[in-house]
Amino acid sequence: MKYTAEELQQYFVDGFLFLEGLDIEELPEGLVVERDADLRDCLNLTELPKGFAVKGDLTLCGCTYLASLPEGLTVGGCLDLRDCLNLTELPKGFTVKGDLTLRGCTYLTTLPEGLTVGGFLDLRECENLAELPKGLKVGKWLNIRDTGLSRARIPEDAQIGKKIYCD
């Protein structure tokens, strides 16, 4: 089901957008959420619209048909993409101000050069991830357990704030 901006108004509460588990396929272009957006388990969601901006946290975990994120996606807080099984890529030069959770994104094979994460980056169980990108910046910790990656596969120019967790 495709929702217009007007139809989505019923799912907004004090600037928060709650669409958890809805049978939604598309969102309107240019949608801006003033606080957090919870789209977890929207199983038919295949893509996010151009100009989508969330000023707080964006939760997309369990959106199993989501294959990619749009260029220009803005997330002001944390981004949870846990178990987005069909996710294959992130936008070029992507930045997340908070934490980025990609745990269980089994089809993810690469990350974009210059990926910047203000908090932690969780890549556990991204078993097809072959390497980490040049220019990677992580403000807190990096978790590469259960990925097949090792410390030797971290680019020399990577900036990791605190710890690296690996097998």
Foldseek 3Di string as FASTA:
>chain_A
DEDEPVRQPVQDDPQEGEQDQPCYAEYDALDEGAEEYEHDNNQNHQEYHHNYEYLYEYEHDNNQNHAEYDPPYYHNEEYEHHQNQNHAEYDALDEHLYEYEHANNQNHAAYHALYAHNAEYEHHCVQNHDAYHHNAEHQEEYECENHPDDPVRHDPRYHHRYYYHYD
